[in-house]
Amino acid sequence: MLKDIVKEAGEILKYGYFHKKKVNFKSEIDLVTEYDVKIEKFLKDRLSKIYPDYEIVAEESFKGSSIPKKAIFIDPIDGTTNFVHSIAYVCISIGIYIDSKPVEGIVYNPILNELFWAKKDVGAFLNDERIFVNNSKDLISSLIATGFPYTKIKRGKDYRWVIDTMANLLPFTRDIRRLGSAAIDLSYVACGRFAGFYEVNLKPWDVAAGILLVEEAGGKVTNHLGNEYKFGDIIVASNGIIHKELIDKMASY
């Protein structure tokens, strides 16, 4: 049922991807389109009927300050900047949580026809195929993903940490990629394309689904100190094997 709803929402995304868009600005570089709003409304309307006991925490409309006991996190278009510039790394991300723990997650990229999904204690899947993290044993054999915070224009603490951490890590990795969608980055860790991913200053809807994907695929998710990840922390996800080495190379924060 959830997959069917997400696929319907994906048709809205796909239409918008190939047509002219009206772009507005949440901040100087943080974009939003009418399709972000349309997809979010569609998902809220449909999911509220199926999950009446859950509160929906959606990127474009949530005004609360605390995480509900039963929550559905929605990012209607993760990778809106890619969407605006016709770059195919875009997705719809939905994470279902009970008591701050993920029980189900979906990341759907209709442009590439890739639907990543996971259920707690069931496994992680790409379309209909079970997926697992890769077996890279060290950083030098690992492709790592990251992202840059919107706060970079202020050149503050987040910005400095990103630059310093990349300088520390890059010489010890196979390479670093920046795709522009945290949900896709986490999905790619889950299916073994990336061995690791880290990023600062993400929102719950950016990572809610991807966390479960990585964990159900056999990977590991923590904060940058190696402790339990909580929304708002710097996130570090990996195949588990390189996790300590990845964290050891990061700058202090």
Protein backbone atom coordinates (compact mmCIF):
# COMPACT_ATOMS: atom_id res chain seq x y z
CA MET A 1 0.00 0.00 0.00
CA LEU A 2 2.70 2.51 1.00
CA LYS A 3 4.76 1.67 -2.07
CA ASP A 4 1.75 2.21 -4.33
CA ILE A 5 1.10 5.64 -2.82
CA VAL A 6 4.75 6.65 -3.23
CA LYS A 7 4.70 5.51 -6.85
CA GLU A 8 1.63 7.68 -7.47
CA ALA A 9 3.45 10.63 -5.93
CA GLY A 10 6.41 9.78 -8.15
CA GLU A 11 4.30 10.51 -11.22
CA ILE A 12 3.85 14.08 -9.97
CA LEU A 13 7.61 14.40 -9.48
CA LYS A 14 8.32 12.91 -12.90
CA TYR A 15 5.92 15.29 -14.63
CA GLY A 16 7.47 18.28 -12.88
CA TYR A 17 11.01 17.11 -13.65
CA PHE A 18 10.37 17.27 -17.40
CA HIS A 19 8.32 20.47 -17.41
CA LYS A 20 8.78 24.11 -16.55
CA LYS A 21 8.83 24.86 -12.84
CA LYS A 22 8.02 27.86 -10.70
CA VAL A 23 10.87 28.30 -8.23
CA ASN A 24 10.65 30.13 -4.93
CA PHE A 25 13.28 30.69 -2.24
CA LYS A 26 13.09 29.58 1.39
CA SER A 27 16.47 31.25 1.84
CA GLU A 28 19.11 32.69 -0.46
CA ILE A 29 20.01 29.24 -1.85
CA ASP A 30 17.32 26.92 -0.44
CA LEU A 31 14.82 26.35 -3.25
CA VAL A 32 11.22 25.13 -3.29
CA THR A 33 8.93 24.48 -6.25
CA GLU A 34 5.18 24.02 -6.67
CA TYR A 35 5.91 20.30 -7.08
CA ASP A 36 7.42 20.05 -3.59
CA VAL A 37 4.14 21.45 -2.28
CA LYS A 38 1.92 19.30 -4.54
CA ILE A 39 3.68 16.06 -3.64
CA GLU A 40 3.64 16.87 0.06
CA LYS A 41 -0.09 17.63 0.00
CA PHE A 42 -0.82 14.44 -1.94
CA LEU A 43 1.17 12.31 0.51
CA LYS A 44 -0.31 13.97 3.59
CA ASP A 45 -3.84 13.47 2.32
CA ARG A 46 -3.29 9.81 1.48
CA LEU A 47 -1.15 8.81 4.45
CA SER A 48 -3.34 10.51 7.05
CA LYS A 49 -6.16 8.15 6.04
CA ILE A 50 -4.01 5.01 6.31
CA TYR A 51 -2.13 6.06 9.45
CA PRO A 52 -4.69 8.09 11.44
CA ASP A 53 -2.76 7.66 14.71
CA TYR A 54 0.44 9.17 13.31
CA GLU A 55 1.47 12.81 13.10
CA ILE A 56 2.96 13.84 9.79
CA VAL A 57 6.25 15.71 9.94
CA ALA A 58 6.72 17.10 6.44
CA GLU A 59 9.42 19.45 5.18
CA GLU A 60 7.26 22.18 3.67
CA SER A 61 4.51 22.36 6.30
CA PHE A 62 5.65 21.08 9.71
CA LYS A 63 5.70 23.85 12.32
CA GLY A 64 6.24 21.82 15.49
CA SER A 65 9.35 21.78 17.64
CA SER A 66 9.28 18.23 19.03
CA ILE A 67 9.11 14.78 17.50
CA PRO A 68 5.77 13.00 18.03
CA LYS A 69 5.57 9.49 19.52
CA LYS A 70 4.22 8.16 16.22
CA ALA A 71 5.58 10.10 13.26
CA ILE A 72 5.69 9.94 9.49
CA PHE A 73 8.58 11.97 8.11
CA ILE A 74 8.07 13.20 4.56
CA ASP A 75 10.54 14.86 2.23
CA PRO A 76 8.46 15.43 -0.93
CA ILE A 77 11.52 16.13 -3.07
CA ASP A 78 14.90 15.48 -1.57
CA GLY A 79 17.29 17.10 -4.00
CA THR A 80 15.16 20.08 -5.02
CA THR A 81 18.20 21.91 -6.40
CA ASN A 82 18.89 18.88 -8.63
CA PHE A 83 15.20 18.85 -9.59
CA VAL A 84 15.31 22.50 -10.64
CA HIS A 85 18.49 21.95 -12.67
CA SER A 86 17.27 18.69 -14.29
CA ILE A 87 19.83 16.49 -12.53
CA ALA A 88 18.40 13.02 -11.95
CA TYR A 89 19.39 12.56 -8.26
CA VAL A 90 15.98 13.39 -6.83
CA CYS A 91 13.64 11.34 -4.68
CA ILE A 92 10.63 11.13 -2.41
CA SER A 93 11.56 10.00 1.10
CA ILE A 94 9.18 8.66 3.76
CA GLY A 95 10.17 7.30 7.16
CA ILE A 96 7.68 5.86 9.66
CA TYR A 97 8.77 6.03 13.30
CA ILE A 98 7.48 4.84 16.67
CA ASP A 99 9.16 6.18 19.84
CA SER A 100 11.94 7.76 17.75
CA LYS A 101 12.79 4.40 16.15
CA PRO A 102 12.32 3.62 12.44
CA VAL A 103 9.92 0.84 11.49
CA GLU A 104 9.51 1.45 7.76
CA GLY A 105 11.20 3.59 5.13
CA ILE A 106 10.95 4.31 1.40
CA VAL A 107 13.19 6.32 -0.90
CA TYR A 108 11.86 6.53 -4.45
CA ASN A 109 13.62 8.04 -7.46
CA PRO A 110 11.09 7.84 -10.30
CA ILE A 111 13.52 9.32 -12.82
CA LEU A 112 15.87 6.35 -12.44
CA ASN A 113 13.04 3.94 -11.53
CA GLU A 114 14.69 3.00 -8.23
CA LEU A 115 12.49 2.29 -5.22
CA PHE A 116 14.48 1.57 -2.07
CA TRP A 117 12.44 0.26 0.86
CA ALA A 118 12.99 -1.34 4.22
CA LYS A 119 11.01 -2.72 7.13
CA LYS A 120 12.35 -3.28 10.60
CA ASP A 121 13.69 -6.85 10.97
CA VAL A 122 12.63 -7.71 7.41
CA GLY A 123 15.50 -6.31 5.34
CA ALA A 124 16.29 -3.63 2.78
CA PHE A 125 15.38 -3.86 -0.89
CA LEU A 126 15.90 -2.10 -4.22
CA ASN A 127 12.68 -2.63 -6.16
CA ASP A 128 12.20 -6.39 -5.53
CA GLU A 129 15.80 -7.37 -4.84
CA ARG A 130 17.34 -7.65 -1.35
CA ILE A 131 20.29 -5.31 -0.89
CA PHE A 132 23.30 -5.24 1.41
CA VAL A 133 26.14 -2.86 2.21
CA ASN A 134 29.46 -3.51 0.48
CA ASN A 135 32.54 -5.13 2.00
CA SER A 136 35.14 -2.38 1.51
CA LYS A 137 37.68 -2.98 4.24
CA ASP A 138 39.43 0.41 4.41
CA LEU A 139 38.98 4.01 3.37
CA ILE A 140 41.39 3.85 0.46
CA SER A 141 39.13 1.32 -1.26
CA SER A 142 35.97 3.22 -0.33
CA LEU A 143 33.83 5.68 -2.25
CA ILE A 144 32.38 8.13 0.28
CA ALA A 145 29.45 10.53 -0.06
CA THR A 146 28.82 13.83 1.68
CA GLY A 147 26.83 17.04 1.37
CA PHE A 148 27.17 20.74 2.07
CA PRO A 149 24.86 22.66 4.43
CA TYR A 150 22.80 25.65 3.29
CA THR A 151 24.49 27.56 6.13
CA LYS A 152 27.72 27.52 4.11
CA ILE A 153 26.98 31.04 2.86
CA LYS A 154 27.58 32.30 6.41
CA ARG A 155 31.00 30.56 6.53
CA GLY A 156 30.38 29.54 10.13
CA LYS A 157 31.13 26.46 12.21
CA ASP A 158 29.30 24.03 9.88
CA TYR A 159 31.17 25.37 6.87
CA ARG A 160 34.58 25.08 8.53
CA TRP A 161 33.85 21.55 9.70
CA VAL A 162 32.87 20.49 6.17
CA ILE A 163 36.04 21.95 4.64
CA ASP A 164 38.36 20.61 7.34
CA THR A 165 36.81 17.15 7.29
CA MET A 166 37.05 16.89 3.53
CA ALA A 167 40.70 17.95 3.65
CA ASN A 168 41.35 15.27 6.28
CA LEU A 169 39.45 12.51 4.49
CA LEU A 170 40.00 12.98 0.77
CA PRO A 171 43.64 11.77 0.54
CA PHE A 172 42.70 8.53 2.32
CA THR A 173 39.64 7.60 0.21
CA ARG A 174 39.08 6.26 -3.28
CA ASP A 175 37.12 9.49 -3.77
CA ILE A 176 34.29 11.61 -2.35
CA ARG A 177 30.99 12.28 -4.11
CA ARG A 178 28.37 14.98 -3.48
CA LEU A 179 25.07 14.04 -5.17
CA GLY A 180 22.80 16.59 -3.48
CA SER A 181 20.33 14.23 -1.80
CA ALA A 182 21.02 12.74 1.63
CA ALA A 183 18.22 10.19 1.19
CA ILE A 184 19.83 8.91 -2.00
CA ASP A 185 23.29 8.92 -0.40
CA LEU A 186 22.02 6.70 2.42
CA SER A 187 20.23 4.44 -0.06
CA TYR A 188 23.47 4.07 -2.00
CA VAL A 189 25.30 3.06 1.18
CA ALA A 190 22.58 0.46 1.75
CA CYS A 191 22.99 -1.07 -1.70
CA GLY A 192 26.80 -0.95 -1.67
CA ARG A 193 27.48 1.83 -4.17
CA PHE A 194 28.99 3.94 -1.40
CA ALA A 195 30.91 2.53 1.55
CA GLY A 196 30.14 5.54 3.72
CA PHE A 197 28.33 8.84 4.04
CA TYR A 198 28.52 11.78 6.41
CA GLU A 199 26.86 15.18 6.59
CA VAL A 200 26.21 18.02 9.01
CA ASN A 201 23.05 20.04 9.64
CA LEU A 202 20.44 17.69 8.18
CA LYS A 203 16.74 17.64 9.08
CA PRO A 204 14.83 14.54 10.25
CA TRP A 205 12.98 14.16 6.93
CA ASP A 206 16.32 14.09 5.08
CA VAL A 207 17.49 10.94 6.84
CA ALA A 208 14.48 9.21 8.44
CA ALA A 209 14.00 6.60 5.71
CA GLY A 210 17.66 6.20 4.81
CA ILE A 211 18.72 5.30 8.35
CA LEU A 212 16.54 2.19 8.33
CA LEU A 213 17.73 1.25 4.83
CA VAL A 214 21.36 1.26 5.96
CA GLU A 215 20.68 -0.64 9.18
CA GLU A 216 18.52 -3.29 7.52
CA ALA A 217 21.19 -3.72 4.82
CA GLY A 218 23.76 -4.58 7.49
CA GLY A 219 25.37 -1.17 7.87
CA LYS A 220 25.92 1.18 10.77
CA VAL A 221 24.61 4.67 11.58
CA THR A 222 25.99 6.87 14.38
CA ASN A 223 26.88 10.48 15.03
CA HIS A 224 30.38 11.78 14.30
CA LEU A 225 31.59 10.66 17.73
CA GLY A 226 30.49 7.07 17.16
CA ASN A 227 27.53 7.38 19.54
CA GLU A 228 23.85 6.70 18.90
CA TYR A 229 22.54 9.02 16.19
CA LYS A 230 19.75 11.40 17.14
CA PHE A 231 18.00 13.82 14.81
CA GLY A 232 20.06 16.99 14.58
CA ASP A 233 23.42 15.26 15.06
CA ILE A 234 26.08 15.03 12.39
CA ILE A 235 25.24 11.73 10.69
CA VAL A 236 27.78 9.06 9.76
CA ALA A 237 26.63 5.92 7.92
CA SER A 238 28.80 3.13 6.57
CA ASN A 239 29.14 -0.55 5.82
CA GLY A 240 30.28 -0.89 9.43
CA ILE A 241 33.76 -2.11 8.51
CA ILE A 242 35.22 1.32 7.78
CA HIS A 243 33.15 3.16 10.36
CA LYS A 244 35.84 3.80 12.95
CA GLU A 245 38.44 4.81 10.35
CA LEU A 246 35.95 7.19 8.76
CA ILE A 247 35.15 8.84 12.09
CA ASP A 248 38.81 9.01 13.12
CA LYS A 249 39.63 11.15 10.07
CA MET A 250 36.90 13.70 10.71
CA ALA A 251 37.63 17.13 12.11
CA SER A 252 36.57 17.99 15.65
CA TYR A 253 33.28 19.87 15.97
